[in-house]
Each structure stands twice: as structure tokens, then as C-alpha cells.
Amino acid sequence: MEIKNRHKGLQVSLSFKNGYGISAIRFPGSYGYKHNLWEVAVLRGDDIAYDTEITNDVIGFCSDDDLADIMHKVRNLEQA
């Protein structure tokens, strides 16, 4: 897991053995920032994966529980 301060906010990145990962951000301009929620992207390597069964875009307005659910789903995707 990697945690970075970004754009007056926070970015958390996590990679899984299947080649996928997530990037969760919470900073001014991200979807959900004003409500203290996360914007989450599914990653394939270092790039956003726009073609998974989970989503075809970033997922905004995610609670901590939503983030945990997305992480579980990404960890269980077939090998990238």
C-alpha cells in the first residue's frame, strides 16, 4: 500500500497479485471530496482499467465501506 499527500488531499494506492489494483483519492475536485468520500479507480498495472466487470470509469462518492467492497472485488478479478 502506498499513501501520498496529493493536491491538498490524499491518495491511497494498492496493488494485488492478479495484476490489478486500486487508487483511491480524496482531494479538492475529486468526486465526493466535499462529503469526505473517496473517488476510486481500478488499475491494471499503473493505468486506469476502463474495461472491468466492476466499472468502465472511476467510481465517485465512495464511503470507506464502499472502498473496502471495491478492493475485495478487484482482488478477486481474473489475472490481468
C-alpha atoms as a PDB file:
ATOM      1  CA  MET A   1       0.000   0.000   0.000  1.00  0.00           C
ATOM      2  CA  GLU A   2       1.226   3.465  -0.853  1.00  0.00           C
ATOM      3  CA  ILE A   3      -0.144   6.633   0.750  1.00  0.00           C
ATOM      4  CA  LYS A   4       0.684  10.048  -0.691  1.00  0.00           C
ATOM      5  CA  ASN A   5      -0.303  13.613   0.016  1.00  0.00           C
ATOM      6  CA  ARG A   6      -1.708  14.958  -3.257  1.00  0.00           C
ATOM      7  CA  HIS A   7      -3.268  18.270  -4.227  1.00  0.00           C
ATOM      8  CA  LYS A   8      -4.061  19.230  -0.612  1.00  0.00           C
ATOM      9  CA  GLY A   9      -5.561  15.800  -0.017  1.00  0.00           C
ATOM     10  CA  LEU A  10      -4.788  12.112  -0.008  1.00  0.00           C
ATOM     11  CA  GLN A  11      -4.144   9.262  -2.464  1.00  0.00           C
ATOM     12  CA  VAL A  12      -4.029   5.620  -1.410  1.00  0.00           C
ATOM     13  CA  SER A  13      -2.844   3.006  -3.922  1.00  0.00           C
ATOM     14  CA  LEU A  14      -2.875  -0.754  -3.520  1.00  0.00           C
ATOM     15  CA  SER A  15      -1.738  -3.497  -5.919  1.00  0.00           C
ATOM     16  CA  PHE A  16      -2.829  -7.132  -5.966  1.00  0.00           C
ATOM     17  CA  LYS A  17      -1.115 -10.315  -7.203  1.00  0.00           C
ATOM     18  CA  ASN A  18      -3.596 -10.587 -10.101  1.00  0.00           C
ATOM     19  CA  GLY A  19      -2.086  -7.502 -11.793  1.00  0.00           C
ATOM     20  CA  TYR A  20      -4.908  -5.172 -10.778  1.00  0.00           C
ATOM     21  CA  GLY A  21      -5.016  -2.524  -8.114  1.00  0.00           C
ATOM     22  CA  ILE A  22      -6.917   0.493  -6.894  1.00  0.00           C
ATOM     23  CA  SER A  23      -6.214   4.161  -6.499  1.00  0.00           C
ATOM     24  CA  ALA A  24      -8.446   5.993  -4.034  1.00  0.00           C
ATOM     25  CA  ILE A  25      -8.244   9.776  -3.893  1.00  0.00           C
ATOM     26  CA  ARG A  26      -9.798  12.419  -1.713  1.00  0.00           C
ATOM     27  CA  PHE A  27      -8.748  15.956  -2.569  1.00  0.00           C
ATOM     28  CA  PRO A  28     -10.363  19.165  -3.840  1.00  0.00           C
ATOM     29  CA  GLY A  29     -12.004  18.446  -7.192  1.00  0.00           C
ATOM     30  CA  SER A  30     -12.378  14.684  -6.705  1.00  0.00           C
ATOM     31  CA  TYR A  31     -15.853  13.141  -6.835  1.00  0.00           C
ATOM     32  CA  GLY A  32     -17.031  13.148  -3.212  1.00  0.00           C
ATOM     33  CA  TYR A  33     -14.379  15.353  -1.627  1.00  0.00           C
ATOM     34  CA  LYS A  34     -16.876  17.847  -0.208  1.00  0.00           C
ATOM     35  CA  HIS A  35     -18.607  14.960   1.598  1.00  0.00           C
ATOM     36  CA  ASN A  36     -15.338  13.374   2.834  1.00  0.00           C
ATOM     37  CA  LEU A  37     -15.825  10.473   0.391  1.00  0.00           C
ATOM     38  CA  TRP A  38     -13.428   8.677  -1.962  1.00  0.00           C
ATOM     39  CA  GLU A  39     -13.048   8.615  -5.739  1.00  0.00           C
ATOM     40  CA  VAL A  40     -11.767   5.181  -6.759  1.00  0.00           C
ATOM     41  CA  ALA A  41     -10.100   3.944  -9.941  1.00  0.00           C
ATOM     42  CA  VAL A  42      -9.456   0.320 -10.839  1.00  0.00           C
ATOM     43  CA  LEU A  43      -5.885  -0.030 -12.092  1.00  0.00           C
ATOM     44  CA  ARG A  44      -4.228  -2.513 -14.420  1.00  0.00           C
ATOM     45  CA  GLY A  45      -0.583  -2.005 -13.639  1.00  0.00           C
ATOM     46  CA  ASP A  46      -0.146   1.770 -13.412  1.00  0.00           C
ATOM     47  CA  ASP A  47      -3.016   2.645 -15.764  1.00  0.00           C
ATOM     48  CA  ILE A  48      -6.739   3.046 -15.125  1.00  0.00           C
ATOM     49  CA  ALA A  49      -8.629  -0.030 -16.380  1.00  0.00           C
ATOM     50  CA  TYR A  50     -11.775   1.145 -18.149  1.00  0.00           C
ATOM     51  CA  ASP A  51     -12.943  -2.338 -19.138  1.00  0.00           C
ATOM     52  CA  THR A  52     -13.515  -4.404 -15.992  1.00  0.00           C
ATOM     53  CA  GLU A  53     -16.710  -6.019 -14.760  1.00  0.00           C
ATOM     54  CA  ILE A  54     -16.510  -3.638 -11.787  1.00  0.00           C
ATOM     55  CA  THR A  55     -16.669  -0.363 -13.730  1.00  0.00           C
ATOM     56  CA  ASN A  56     -15.804   1.332 -17.011  1.00  0.00           C
ATOM     57  CA  ASP A  57     -14.820   4.618 -15.344  1.00  0.00           C
ATOM     58  CA  VAL A  58     -13.785   5.981 -11.958  1.00  0.00           C
ATOM     59  CA  ILE A  59     -16.265   5.488  -9.106  1.00  0.00           C
ATOM     60  CA  GLY A  60     -17.052   8.610  -7.113  1.00  0.00           C
ATOM     61  CA  PHE A  61     -18.699   9.273  -3.774  1.00  0.00           C
ATOM     62  CA  CYS A  62     -17.451   6.061  -2.103  1.00  0.00           C
ATOM     63  CA  SER A  63     -17.629   5.556   1.647  1.00  0.00           C
ATOM     64  CA  ASP A  64     -14.942   3.607   3.483  1.00  0.00           C
ATOM     65  CA  ASP A  65     -17.221   0.538   3.291  1.00  0.00           C
ATOM     66  CA  ASP A  66     -17.687   1.049  -0.469  1.00  0.00           C
ATOM     67  CA  LEU A  67     -13.912   1.285  -0.840  1.00  0.00           C
ATOM     68  CA  ALA A  68     -13.407  -1.984   1.065  1.00  0.00           C
ATOM     69  CA  ASP A  69     -16.018  -3.698  -1.156  1.00  0.00           C
ATOM     70  CA  ILE A  70     -14.340  -2.447  -4.348  1.00  0.00           C
ATOM     71  CA  MET A  71     -10.930  -3.587  -3.083  1.00  0.00           C
ATOM     72  CA  HIS A  72     -12.344  -7.071  -2.428  1.00  0.00           C
ATOM     73  CA  LYS A  73     -13.850  -7.249  -5.932  1.00  0.00           C
ATOM     74  CA  VAL A  74     -10.640  -6.043  -7.602  1.00  0.00           C
ATOM     75  CA  ARG A  75      -8.515  -8.527  -5.638  1.00  0.00           C
ATOM     76  CA  ASN A  76     -10.765 -11.328  -6.954  1.00  0.00           C
ATOM     77  CA  LEU A  77     -10.647 -10.370 -10.658  1.00  0.00           C
ATOM     78  CA  GLU A  78      -9.113 -12.862 -13.079  1.00  0.00           C
ATOM     79  CA  GLN A  79      -5.394 -12.318 -13.773  1.00  0.00           C
ATOM     80  CA  ALA A  80      -4.753  -9.137 -15.794  1.00  0.00           C
END
